[in-house]
Amino acid sequence: MDGMDDLVQFLRNRLDEDEATARRVPLSQAPVELRALVPRAGGDLYLAIDPARVLREVEAKQQIVEQYKSICNPPHEEFGPALSRAELSRVLRLLALTYADHPDYRDDWRP
């Protein structure tokens, strides 16, 4: 498995985790706003994100990852006038930045 295959699998794993976490939040407890600062005991704030938004984001990112796989594995002779393998790889690297603090993230994936 080359570095990009590893990156694709890393992204799939993180997106599966994000989806599972978002699905555990009961819709009745979801924040009304897209994002809301919610006070905790002791006065600290935390960011609450609507799980429906997280699920939409996960779906969009999954489609990007699958589009990369369908175009680049096996490599096609032509990517079209606007896309190259390097450009698509950069998109995946940018998506992975979201998870740069994860222990499985590799620095060689940085764009």
Protein backbone atom coordinates (compact mmCIF):
# COMPACT_ATOMS: atom_id res chain seq x y z
CA MET A 1 0.00 0.00 0.00
CA ASP A 2 1.55 3.33 -1.01
CA GLY A 3 1.37 6.54 1.02
CA MET A 4 -1.81 7.74 -0.69
CA ASP A 5 -3.54 4.41 -0.06
CA ASP A 6 -2.61 4.81 3.60
CA LEU A 7 -3.98 8.35 3.56
CA VAL A 8 -7.24 7.19 1.96
CA GLN A 9 -7.66 4.50 4.64
CA PHE A 10 -6.79 7.01 7.38
CA LEU A 11 -9.48 9.39 6.10
CA ARG A 12 -12.05 6.61 5.81
CA ASN A 13 -11.37 5.58 9.41
CA ARG A 14 -11.65 9.14 10.76
CA LEU A 15 -14.85 9.78 8.80
CA ASP A 16 -16.37 6.56 10.10
CA GLU A 17 -15.51 7.69 13.64
CA ASP A 18 -17.01 11.14 13.05
CA GLU A 19 -20.18 9.61 11.65
CA ALA A 20 -20.54 7.18 14.57
CA THR A 21 -20.06 10.01 17.08
CA ALA A 22 -22.61 12.26 15.35
CA ARG A 23 -25.16 9.43 15.23
CA ARG A 24 -24.87 8.90 19.00
CA VAL A 25 -26.25 12.41 19.73
CA PRO A 26 -30.04 12.31 20.14
CA LEU A 27 -31.61 14.81 17.76
CA SER A 28 -33.65 16.22 20.64
CA GLN A 29 -30.37 17.29 22.28
CA ALA A 30 -28.76 18.73 19.17
CA PRO A 31 -28.01 22.46 19.16
CA VAL A 32 -30.47 24.57 17.20
CA GLU A 33 -27.71 26.69 15.72
CA LEU A 34 -25.07 25.31 13.43
CA ARG A 35 -22.45 25.99 16.07
CA ALA A 36 -23.01 27.24 19.57
CA LEU A 37 -20.78 28.04 22.50
CA VAL A 38 -22.32 26.22 25.43
CA PRO A 39 -21.39 26.93 29.04
CA ARG A 40 -20.15 24.07 31.21
CA ALA A 41 -20.20 23.91 34.98
CA GLY A 42 -17.44 26.20 36.20
CA GLY A 43 -17.98 28.76 33.44
CA ASP A 44 -15.90 27.10 30.71
CA LEU A 45 -17.32 27.09 27.20
CA TYR A 46 -17.30 24.34 24.63
CA LEU A 47 -18.29 24.30 21.00
CA ALA A 48 -21.43 22.34 20.18
CA ILE A 49 -21.91 21.35 16.57
CA ASP A 50 -25.17 20.13 15.11
CA PRO A 51 -24.78 16.38 14.42
CA ALA A 52 -26.81 16.76 11.21
CA ARG A 53 -24.14 19.16 9.92
CA VAL A 54 -21.42 16.70 10.89
CA LEU A 55 -23.21 13.94 8.99
CA ARG A 56 -23.49 16.15 5.88
CA GLU A 57 -19.79 16.99 6.14
CA VAL A 58 -18.85 13.33 6.55
CA GLU A 59 -20.92 12.40 3.49
CA ALA A 60 -19.27 15.12 1.38
CA LYS A 61 -15.78 14.08 2.48
CA GLN A 62 -16.53 10.40 1.86
CA GLN A 63 -17.59 11.26 -1.68
CA ILE A 64 -14.34 13.18 -2.23
CA VAL A 65 -12.29 10.22 -1.00
CA GLU A 66 -14.23 7.77 -3.17
CA GLN A 67 -13.91 10.06 -6.20
CA TYR A 68 -10.14 10.10 -5.68
CA LYS A 69 -10.08 6.29 -5.50
CA SER A 70 -12.17 5.89 -8.66
CA ILE A 71 -9.95 8.28 -10.63
CA CYS A 72 -6.50 7.42 -9.27
CA ASN A 73 -6.65 3.69 -8.47
CA PRO A 74 -5.93 2.36 -11.01
CA PRO A 75 -4.52 5.52 -12.53
CA HIS A 76 -6.38 6.76 -15.59
CA GLU A 77 -4.42 7.98 -18.57
CA GLU A 78 -6.42 11.22 -18.63
CA PHE A 79 -7.82 13.15 -15.70
CA GLY A 80 -9.56 15.78 -17.78
CA PRO A 81 -8.51 19.35 -18.41
CA ALA A 82 -8.89 20.62 -14.84
CA LEU A 83 -7.63 17.80 -12.60
CA SER A 84 -4.39 15.97 -12.13
CA ARG A 85 -3.43 13.20 -9.74
CA ALA A 86 -1.27 15.70 -7.83
CA GLU A 87 -4.19 18.11 -7.46
CA LEU A 88 -6.50 15.35 -6.24
CA SER A 89 -3.82 14.15 -3.82
CA ARG A 90 -3.54 17.68 -2.46
CA VAL A 91 -7.30 17.73 -1.81
CA LEU A 92 -7.00 14.57 0.30
CA ARG A 93 -4.02 16.01 2.16
CA LEU A 94 -6.05 19.12 2.94
CA LEU A 95 -8.96 17.00 4.20
CA ALA A 96 -6.58 15.08 6.44
CA LEU A 97 -5.33 18.30 8.10
CA THR A 98 -8.55 18.23 10.11
CA TYR A 99 -7.15 15.16 11.87
CA ALA A 100 -3.52 16.30 12.24
CA ASP A 101 -3.68 15.81 16.01
CA HIS A 102 -4.69 12.13 15.64
CA PRO A 103 -1.91 9.68 16.61
CA ASP A 104 -2.16 7.90 13.24
CA TYR A 105 -1.67 11.11 11.23
CA ARG A 106 1.66 11.19 9.40
CA ASP A 107 3.60 14.40 8.83
CA ASP A 108 4.43 13.36 5.25
CA TRP A 109 0.72 13.83 4.46
CA ARG A 110 0.92 17.58 5.12
CA PRO A 111 0.20 19.55 1.95
